[in-house]
N, C-alpha and C. Protein backbone atom coordinates (compact mmCIF):
# COMPACT_ATOMS: atom_id res chain seq x y z
N MET A 1 0.84 -1.18 0.00
CA MET A 1 0.00 0.00 0.00
C MET A 1 0.88 1.24 0.00
N THR A 2 0.41 2.23 -0.71
CA THR A 2 1.15 3.49 -0.75
C THR A 2 0.85 4.32 0.50
N THR A 3 1.67 5.31 0.72
CA THR A 3 1.47 6.21 1.86
C THR A 3 0.12 6.91 1.75
N GLU A 4 -0.23 7.34 0.56
CA GLU A 4 -1.51 8.02 0.35
C GLU A 4 -2.69 7.10 0.68
N SER A 5 -2.56 5.82 0.31
CA SER A 5 -3.62 4.86 0.62
C SER A 5 -3.76 4.66 2.12
N TRP A 6 -2.63 4.59 2.82
CA TRP A 6 -2.67 4.45 4.28
C TRP A 6 -3.31 5.67 4.93
N VAL A 7 -2.95 6.85 4.45
CA VAL A 7 -3.53 8.08 5.01
C VAL A 7 -5.04 8.08 4.81
N THR A 8 -5.50 7.70 3.63
CA THR A 8 -6.94 7.64 3.35
C THR A 8 -7.62 6.60 4.22
N LEU A 9 -7.00 5.44 4.37
CA LEU A 9 -7.57 4.38 5.19
C LEU A 9 -7.68 4.81 6.65
N VAL A 10 -6.62 5.36 7.20
CA VAL A 10 -6.62 5.80 8.59
C VAL A 10 -7.68 6.90 8.80
N GLY A 11 -7.74 7.85 7.89
CA GLY A 11 -8.73 8.92 8.00
C GLY A 11 -10.16 8.40 7.91
N THR A 12 -10.38 7.47 7.02
CA THR A 12 -11.72 6.90 6.85
C THR A 12 -12.15 6.10 8.07
N VAL A 13 -11.27 5.23 8.56
CA VAL A 13 -11.60 4.41 9.74
C VAL A 13 -11.79 5.30 10.97
N GLY A 14 -10.91 6.27 11.16
CA GLY A 14 -11.05 7.19 12.29
C GLY A 14 -12.34 7.98 12.22
N GLY A 15 -12.67 8.47 11.05
CA GLY A 15 -13.92 9.21 10.88
C GLY A 15 -15.13 8.33 11.11
N PHE A 16 -15.07 7.10 10.63
CA PHE A 16 -16.17 6.15 10.83
C PHE A 16 -16.38 5.91 12.33
N CYS A 17 -15.29 5.68 13.06
CA CYS A 17 -15.40 5.41 14.50
C CYS A 17 -15.99 6.60 15.26
N THR A 18 -15.50 7.80 15.00
CA THR A 18 -16.00 8.96 15.74
C THR A 18 -17.43 9.31 15.34
N THR A 19 -17.78 9.07 14.09
CA THR A 19 -19.14 9.35 13.64
C THR A 19 -20.13 8.37 14.26
N PHE A 20 -19.85 7.10 14.13
CA PHE A 20 -20.80 6.09 14.58
C PHE A 20 -20.75 5.85 16.08
N ALA A 21 -19.81 6.47 16.77
CA ALA A 21 -19.83 6.44 18.22
C ALA A 21 -21.04 7.20 18.75
N PHE A 22 -21.59 8.08 17.94
CA PHE A 22 -22.74 8.88 18.35
C PHE A 22 -24.06 8.14 18.14
N VAL A 23 -24.07 7.07 17.38
CA VAL A 23 -25.30 6.32 17.10
C VAL A 23 -25.95 5.78 18.37
N PRO A 24 -25.20 5.16 19.29
CA PRO A 24 -25.85 4.69 20.52
C PRO A 24 -26.50 5.82 21.32
N GLN A 25 -25.92 7.01 21.26
CA GLN A 25 -26.51 8.16 21.96
C GLN A 25 -27.85 8.53 21.35
N VAL A 26 -27.94 8.50 20.03
CA VAL A 26 -29.20 8.81 19.36
C VAL A 26 -30.25 7.76 19.72
N VAL A 27 -29.86 6.50 19.75
CA VAL A 27 -30.79 5.42 20.12
C VAL A 27 -31.26 5.62 21.57
N LYS A 28 -30.35 5.97 22.46
CA LYS A 28 -30.71 6.19 23.86
C LYS A 28 -31.68 7.36 24.00
N ILE A 29 -31.44 8.43 23.26
CA ILE A 29 -32.35 9.58 23.30
C ILE A 29 -33.73 9.15 22.80
N TRP A 30 -33.77 8.36 21.75
CA TRP A 30 -35.03 7.89 21.19
C TRP A 30 -35.82 7.08 22.22
N LYS A 31 -35.11 6.21 22.94
CA LYS A 31 -35.78 5.31 23.90
C LYS A 31 -36.06 5.98 25.25
N GLN A 32 -35.10 6.77 25.75
CA GLN A 32 -35.19 7.27 27.12
C GLN A 32 -35.31 8.79 27.24
N GLY A 33 -35.15 9.49 26.15
CA GLY A 33 -35.15 10.94 26.21
C GLY A 33 -33.73 11.48 26.37
N GLY A 34 -33.58 12.77 26.21
CA GLY A 34 -32.25 13.38 26.24
C GLY A 34 -32.05 14.31 27.40
N ARG A 35 -32.70 14.00 28.53
CA ARG A 35 -32.64 14.88 29.70
C ARG A 35 -31.22 15.19 30.13
N ASP A 36 -30.32 14.24 30.02
CA ASP A 36 -28.95 14.43 30.52
C ASP A 36 -28.03 15.15 29.54
N LEU A 37 -28.50 15.43 28.35
CA LEU A 37 -27.69 16.14 27.36
C LEU A 37 -28.02 17.62 27.38
N SER A 38 -27.01 18.45 27.21
CA SER A 38 -27.26 19.89 27.17
C SER A 38 -27.33 20.34 25.72
N TYR A 39 -28.17 21.34 25.50
CA TYR A 39 -28.26 21.92 24.16
C TYR A 39 -26.94 22.59 23.78
N ALA A 40 -26.22 23.13 24.77
CA ALA A 40 -24.94 23.78 24.48
C ALA A 40 -23.94 22.77 23.92
N MET A 41 -23.87 21.58 24.51
CA MET A 41 -22.95 20.55 24.02
C MET A 41 -23.34 20.13 22.61
N LEU A 42 -24.63 19.91 22.40
CA LEU A 42 -25.08 19.50 21.07
C LEU A 42 -24.79 20.59 20.03
N ALA A 43 -25.00 21.85 20.40
CA ALA A 43 -24.73 22.96 19.48
C ALA A 43 -23.24 23.03 19.14
N LEU A 44 -22.38 22.91 20.15
CA LEU A 44 -20.94 22.94 19.89
C LEU A 44 -20.51 21.77 19.02
N TYR A 45 -21.07 20.61 19.28
CA TYR A 45 -20.75 19.42 18.49
C TYR A 45 -21.18 19.64 17.03
N LEU A 46 -22.38 20.20 16.84
CA LEU A 46 -22.87 20.45 15.49
C LEU A 46 -22.03 21.51 14.77
N ILE A 47 -21.65 22.55 15.48
CA ILE A 47 -20.78 23.58 14.89
C ILE A 47 -19.44 22.97 14.51
N GLY A 48 -18.86 22.17 15.40
CA GLY A 48 -17.58 21.53 15.12
C GLY A 48 -17.65 20.62 13.91
N ALA A 49 -18.68 19.79 13.84
CA ALA A 49 -18.83 18.89 12.69
C ALA A 49 -19.04 19.68 11.40
N SER A 50 -19.79 20.78 11.49
CA SER A 50 -20.02 21.62 10.31
C SER A 50 -18.73 22.28 9.83
N LEU A 51 -17.93 22.74 10.78
CA LEU A 51 -16.65 23.35 10.40
C LEU A 51 -15.71 22.31 9.79
N TRP A 52 -15.69 21.09 10.34
CA TRP A 52 -14.89 20.02 9.75
C TRP A 52 -15.40 19.68 8.35
N LEU A 53 -16.71 19.72 8.17
CA LEU A 53 -17.29 19.46 6.85
C LEU A 53 -16.82 20.53 5.85
N ILE A 54 -16.86 21.78 6.26
CA ILE A 54 -16.38 22.87 5.39
C ILE A 54 -14.90 22.67 5.08
N TYR A 55 -14.13 22.31 6.09
CA TYR A 55 -12.70 22.05 5.91
C TYR A 55 -12.49 20.94 4.88
N GLY A 56 -13.25 19.86 5.00
CA GLY A 56 -13.16 18.76 4.05
C GLY A 56 -13.52 19.20 2.64
N LEU A 57 -14.55 20.04 2.53
CA LEU A 57 -14.93 20.56 1.21
C LEU A 57 -13.83 21.42 0.61
N LEU A 58 -13.20 22.25 1.44
CA LEU A 58 -12.11 23.10 0.95
C LEU A 58 -10.92 22.28 0.49
N LEU A 59 -10.67 21.16 1.19
CA LEU A 59 -9.55 20.28 0.82
C LEU A 59 -9.94 19.26 -0.25
N ASN A 60 -11.24 19.18 -0.51
CA ASN A 60 -11.77 18.15 -1.42
C ASN A 60 -11.39 16.76 -0.93
N SER A 61 -11.56 16.54 0.39
CA SER A 61 -11.22 15.27 1.03
C SER A 61 -12.49 14.49 1.32
N LEU A 62 -12.73 13.47 0.53
CA LEU A 62 -13.95 12.69 0.64
C LEU A 62 -14.15 12.07 2.02
N PRO A 63 -13.12 11.47 2.65
CA PRO A 63 -13.34 10.91 3.99
C PRO A 63 -13.80 11.97 5.00
N ILE A 64 -13.22 13.14 4.97
CA ILE A 64 -13.61 14.21 5.90
C ILE A 64 -15.02 14.69 5.58
N ILE A 65 -15.34 14.82 4.32
CA ILE A 65 -16.67 15.28 3.91
C ILE A 65 -17.75 14.30 4.36
N ILE A 66 -17.57 13.03 4.04
CA ILE A 66 -18.60 12.02 4.33
C ILE A 66 -18.80 11.85 5.84
N THR A 67 -17.70 11.69 6.57
CA THR A 67 -17.85 11.42 8.00
C THR A 67 -18.43 12.62 8.75
N ASN A 68 -18.06 13.81 8.37
CA ASN A 68 -18.58 14.97 9.09
C ASN A 68 -19.98 15.35 8.65
N ALA A 69 -20.35 15.04 7.43
CA ALA A 69 -21.75 15.22 7.02
C ALA A 69 -22.63 14.26 7.81
N ALA A 70 -22.17 13.02 7.96
CA ALA A 70 -22.92 12.03 8.74
C ALA A 70 -22.99 12.42 10.21
N THR A 71 -21.88 12.91 10.75
CA THR A 71 -21.86 13.34 12.15
C THR A 71 -22.83 14.51 12.36
N ALA A 72 -22.78 15.49 11.49
CA ALA A 72 -23.67 16.64 11.61
C ALA A 72 -25.13 16.20 11.54
N LEU A 73 -25.43 15.26 10.67
CA LEU A 73 -26.80 14.74 10.56
C LEU A 73 -27.21 14.04 11.86
N LEU A 74 -26.34 13.20 12.41
CA LEU A 74 -26.65 12.50 13.66
C LEU A 74 -26.86 13.47 14.82
N VAL A 75 -26.02 14.49 14.90
CA VAL A 75 -26.17 15.47 15.98
C VAL A 75 -27.46 16.27 15.80
N ALA A 76 -27.79 16.61 14.56
CA ALA A 76 -29.06 17.32 14.31
C ALA A 76 -30.25 16.43 14.71
N ILE A 77 -30.18 15.16 14.39
CA ILE A 77 -31.25 14.22 14.78
C ILE A 77 -31.33 14.13 16.30
N ALA A 78 -30.19 14.02 16.96
CA ALA A 78 -30.17 13.93 18.43
C ALA A 78 -30.77 15.19 19.05
N THR A 79 -30.45 16.35 18.50
CA THR A 79 -30.98 17.61 19.01
C THR A 79 -32.49 17.68 18.83
N ALA A 80 -32.96 17.27 17.66
CA ALA A 80 -34.40 17.27 17.40
C ALA A 80 -35.11 16.29 18.32
N LEU A 81 -34.54 15.10 18.52
CA LEU A 81 -35.14 14.12 19.42
C LEU A 81 -35.17 14.63 20.86
N LYS A 82 -34.10 15.29 21.28
CA LYS A 82 -34.07 15.86 22.63
C LYS A 82 -35.16 16.91 22.78
N ALA A 83 -35.30 17.79 21.81
CA ALA A 83 -36.33 18.82 21.87
C ALA A 83 -37.72 18.19 21.89
N TRP A 84 -37.91 17.16 21.08
CA TRP A 84 -39.21 16.48 21.01
C TRP A 84 -39.55 15.81 22.34
N THR A 85 -38.58 15.09 22.92
CA THR A 85 -38.83 14.40 24.19
C THR A 85 -38.98 15.39 25.34
N ASP A 86 -38.20 16.48 25.32
CA ASP A 86 -38.34 17.52 26.35
C ASP A 86 -39.74 18.12 26.29
N ASN A 87 -40.22 18.39 25.08
CA ASN A 87 -41.55 18.96 24.89
C ASN A 87 -42.63 17.98 25.34
N LYS A 88 -42.44 16.71 25.02
CA LYS A 88 -43.40 15.68 25.40
C LYS A 88 -43.49 15.57 26.93
N VAL A 89 -42.34 15.58 27.60
CA VAL A 89 -42.31 15.50 29.06
C VAL A 89 -42.96 16.73 29.68
N ALA A 90 -42.65 17.91 29.14
CA ALA A 90 -43.23 19.15 29.67
C ALA A 90 -44.75 19.15 29.50
N SER A 91 -45.24 18.68 28.37
CA SER A 91 -46.68 18.62 28.13
C SER A 91 -47.34 17.65 29.11
N LYS A 92 -46.73 16.51 29.33
CA LYS A 92 -47.26 15.51 30.26
C LYS A 92 -47.31 16.07 31.68
N GLN A 93 -46.26 16.77 32.08
CA GLN A 93 -46.22 17.35 33.42
C GLN A 93 -47.28 18.44 33.56
N ALA A 94 -47.49 19.23 32.51
CA ALA A 94 -48.51 20.28 32.56
C ALA A 94 -49.90 19.68 32.70
N LEU A 95 -50.14 18.59 31.97
CA LEU A 95 -51.45 17.92 32.06
C LEU A 95 -51.66 17.32 33.45
N GLN A 96 -50.62 16.76 34.03
CA GLN A 96 -50.72 16.18 35.37
C GLN A 96 -50.95 17.29 36.41
N GLY A 97 -50.33 18.44 36.19
CA GLY A 97 -50.51 19.58 37.10
C GLY A 97 -51.93 20.11 37.05
N GLU A 98 -52.51 20.15 35.85
CA GLU A 98 -53.89 20.61 35.70
C GLU A 98 -54.86 19.62 36.33
N ALA A 99 -54.57 18.34 36.22
CA ALA A 99 -55.45 17.32 36.78
C ALA A 99 -55.43 17.35 38.31
N ALA A 100 -54.30 17.75 38.89
CA ALA A 100 -54.17 17.79 40.34
C ALA A 100 -54.93 18.96 40.95
N GLU A 101 -55.21 19.96 40.16
CA GLU A 101 -55.89 21.17 40.68
C GLU A 101 -57.33 20.98 40.82
């Protein structure tokens, strides 16, 4: 293998690992809600992935582009799920509060 092939392989595998490390978090949010996650962390993560995506586009580096586009999508999904579950919990609590009165 050439040096360039090794660099591409290492970048691709590293990007795959860091991207798909977020999948269990999305599944957990879907099942249990995202109460323990902060919007600030999710926003910083999304900004970071977006900046890496722009960097990959500027370099025309397919591994950087693909992995960071996928990461940004996963973080956006996680943020939307957190907002949805937070809203669902707040609505349920409001209904329970009204019933108690």
